[in-house]
């Protein structure tokens, strides 16, 4: 089990890299078999499917970074339980394809093994995301 301060440091490094869209720095924190998922309805399958195959993870991260500016999102609180960290985050996000800015909050659950992130699950307002990207207009 990784100690609390190390986990906090890794999470803070992850979010600092995300704020400046440094995909290489973010992915350097991921361990073997890393998986990512945004929790939501199957109706939003393109956004809510778990990805774990390296090429699919890379594509998902590249797309998120290209489309969502999260430089104004801050971590409000970290909850650490063993090798699991829950990060409550809040702030303004911008969907770059249409320039829409939204104030939101969400929770990330990060699971660690041997000091690396092996799973990241995001609990977000998927209705707000669907509206922002124009899925509700279709």
Protein backbone atom coordinates (compact mmCIF):
# COMPACT_ATOMS: atom_id res chain seq x y z
CA UNK A 1 0.00 0.00 0.00
CA UNK A 2 1.28 3.44 -0.95
CA UNK A 3 1.43 6.02 1.85
CA UNK A 4 -1.08 8.89 1.95
CA UNK A 5 1.35 11.70 1.18
CA UNK A 6 2.69 9.88 -1.87
CA UNK A 7 -0.86 9.31 -3.12
CA UNK A 8 -1.70 12.99 -2.62
CA UNK A 9 1.42 13.98 -4.52
CA UNK A 10 0.59 11.69 -7.46
CA UNK A 11 -2.99 12.97 -7.65
CA UNK A 12 -1.85 16.60 -7.50
CA UNK A 13 0.72 15.89 -10.23
CA UNK A 14 -2.00 14.29 -12.38
CA UNK A 15 -4.30 17.30 -12.08
CA UNK A 16 -1.47 19.78 -12.67
CA UNK A 17 -0.62 17.92 -15.88
CA UNK A 18 -4.31 17.86 -16.88
CA UNK A 19 -4.59 21.63 -16.36
CA UNK A 20 -1.88 22.19 -18.98
CA UNK A 21 -2.93 19.28 -21.23
CA UNK A 22 0.32 17.36 -20.74
CA UNK A 23 -0.82 13.91 -21.87
CA UNK A 24 2.67 12.41 -21.49
CA UNK A 25 2.91 13.47 -17.85
CA UNK A 26 -0.59 12.17 -17.15
CA UNK A 27 0.03 8.80 -18.77
CA UNK A 28 3.38 8.42 -16.98
CA UNK A 29 1.36 8.08 -13.77
CA UNK A 30 -0.67 5.16 -15.13
CA UNK A 31 0.24 1.61 -14.27
CA UNK A 32 -0.01 -1.57 -16.33
CA UNK A 33 -3.59 -2.39 -17.29
CA UNK A 34 -4.81 1.15 -16.56
CA UNK A 35 -8.52 1.63 -17.20
CA UNK A 36 -10.70 4.71 -17.48
CA UNK A 37 -14.46 5.14 -17.30
CA UNK A 38 -16.91 7.97 -17.01
CA UNK A 39 -19.97 6.66 -15.17
CA UNK A 40 -23.23 7.18 -17.03
CA UNK A 41 -26.10 5.79 -18.98
CA UNK A 42 -25.58 3.31 -21.76
CA UNK A 43 -27.35 5.84 -23.99
CA UNK A 44 -24.13 7.85 -23.78
CA UNK A 45 -22.02 4.81 -24.63
CA UNK A 46 -19.45 6.76 -26.62
CA UNK A 47 -18.55 8.67 -23.46
CA UNK A 48 -19.25 6.10 -20.77
CA UNK A 49 -17.63 2.88 -21.94
CA UNK A 50 -14.71 1.66 -19.86
CA UNK A 51 -11.47 1.64 -21.82
CA UNK A 52 -8.44 -0.39 -20.82
CA UNK A 53 -6.70 -1.42 -24.03
CA UNK A 54 -3.69 0.94 -24.34
CA UNK A 55 -4.64 2.35 -27.77
CA UNK A 56 -8.22 2.96 -26.61
CA UNK A 57 -7.02 4.66 -23.41
CA UNK A 58 -4.67 6.85 -25.42
CA UNK A 59 -7.45 7.79 -27.86
CA UNK A 60 -9.86 8.59 -25.01
CA UNK A 61 -7.31 10.75 -23.18
CA UNK A 62 -6.29 12.55 -26.38
CA UNK A 63 -9.95 13.29 -27.17
CA UNK A 64 -10.73 14.53 -23.67
CA UNK A 65 -7.70 16.81 -23.66
CA UNK A 66 -8.47 18.13 -27.15
CA UNK A 67 -12.13 18.88 -26.36
CA UNK A 68 -12.28 19.90 -22.70
CA UNK A 69 -10.34 22.78 -21.12
CA UNK A 70 -10.12 21.99 -17.42
CA UNK A 71 -7.53 24.61 -16.48
CA UNK A 72 -10.00 26.34 -14.16
CA UNK A 73 -10.97 23.21 -12.22
CA UNK A 74 -9.59 22.82 -8.72
CA UNK A 75 -9.47 19.96 -6.26
CA UNK A 76 -11.60 20.89 -3.28
CA UNK A 77 -10.97 17.78 -1.22
CA UNK A 78 -9.15 14.45 -1.32
CA UNK A 79 -10.43 11.42 0.56
CA UNK A 80 -7.93 8.59 0.89
CA UNK A 81 -8.80 5.05 1.91
CA UNK A 82 -5.96 2.59 1.48
CA UNK A 83 -4.96 2.60 -2.18
CA UNK A 84 -8.10 4.45 -3.30
CA UNK A 85 -8.38 8.22 -3.59
CA UNK A 86 -11.61 10.12 -4.12
CA UNK A 87 -11.04 13.62 -5.45
CA UNK A 88 -13.86 16.16 -5.30
CA UNK A 89 -13.23 18.72 -8.06
CA UNK A 90 -15.08 21.89 -9.01
CA UNK A 91 -14.79 24.83 -11.34
CA UNK A 92 -15.32 26.02 -14.87
CA UNK A 93 -14.87 23.71 -17.83
CA UNK A 94 -14.92 24.75 -21.47
CA UNK A 95 -15.99 22.54 -24.35
CA UNK A 96 -13.59 23.81 -26.98
CA UNK A 97 -15.46 22.77 -30.16
CA UNK A 98 -18.28 25.24 -29.38
CA UNK A 99 -16.67 27.42 -26.69
CA UNK A 100 -19.41 26.71 -24.14
CA UNK A 101 -18.31 27.27 -20.53
CA UNK A 102 -20.02 25.45 -17.66
CA UNK A 103 -19.58 25.54 -13.92
CA UNK A 104 -19.60 22.02 -12.55
CA UNK A 105 -18.34 19.66 -9.90
CA UNK A 106 -17.50 15.98 -10.04
CA UNK A 107 -15.72 13.17 -8.21
CA UNK A 108 -12.86 11.05 -9.51
CA UNK A 109 -12.09 7.68 -7.95
CA UNK A 110 -8.48 6.70 -8.50
CA UNK A 111 -7.23 3.24 -7.59
CA UNK A 112 -3.50 2.67 -7.11
CA UNK A 113 -1.17 -0.29 -7.19
CA UNK A 114 2.55 -0.01 -6.51
CA UNK A 115 2.38 3.80 -6.69
CA UNK A 116 0.71 3.89 -10.12
CA UNK A 117 -2.89 4.67 -11.07
CA UNK A 118 -4.53 1.48 -12.35
CA UNK A 119 -8.10 2.73 -12.58
CA UNK A 120 -9.75 6.13 -12.89
CA UNK A 121 -13.51 6.36 -12.71
CA UNK A 122 -15.20 9.74 -13.09
CA UNK A 123 -18.61 10.52 -11.62
CA UNK A 124 -19.80 13.51 -13.65
CA UNK A 125 -23.07 15.17 -14.63
CA UNK A 126 -23.57 13.27 -17.88
CA UNK A 127 -26.77 15.16 -18.72
CA UNK A 128 -24.82 18.43 -18.61
CA UNK A 129 -22.09 16.91 -20.80
CA UNK A 130 -24.62 15.55 -23.29
CA UNK A 131 -26.26 18.97 -23.51
CA UNK A 132 -22.91 20.76 -23.86
CA UNK A 133 -21.69 18.58 -26.72
CA UNK A 134 -25.04 18.82 -28.51
CA UNK A 135 -26.34 15.28 -28.05
CA UNK A 136 -29.67 16.52 -26.74
CA UNK A 137 -30.22 18.62 -29.87
CA UNK A 138 -30.11 15.58 -32.13
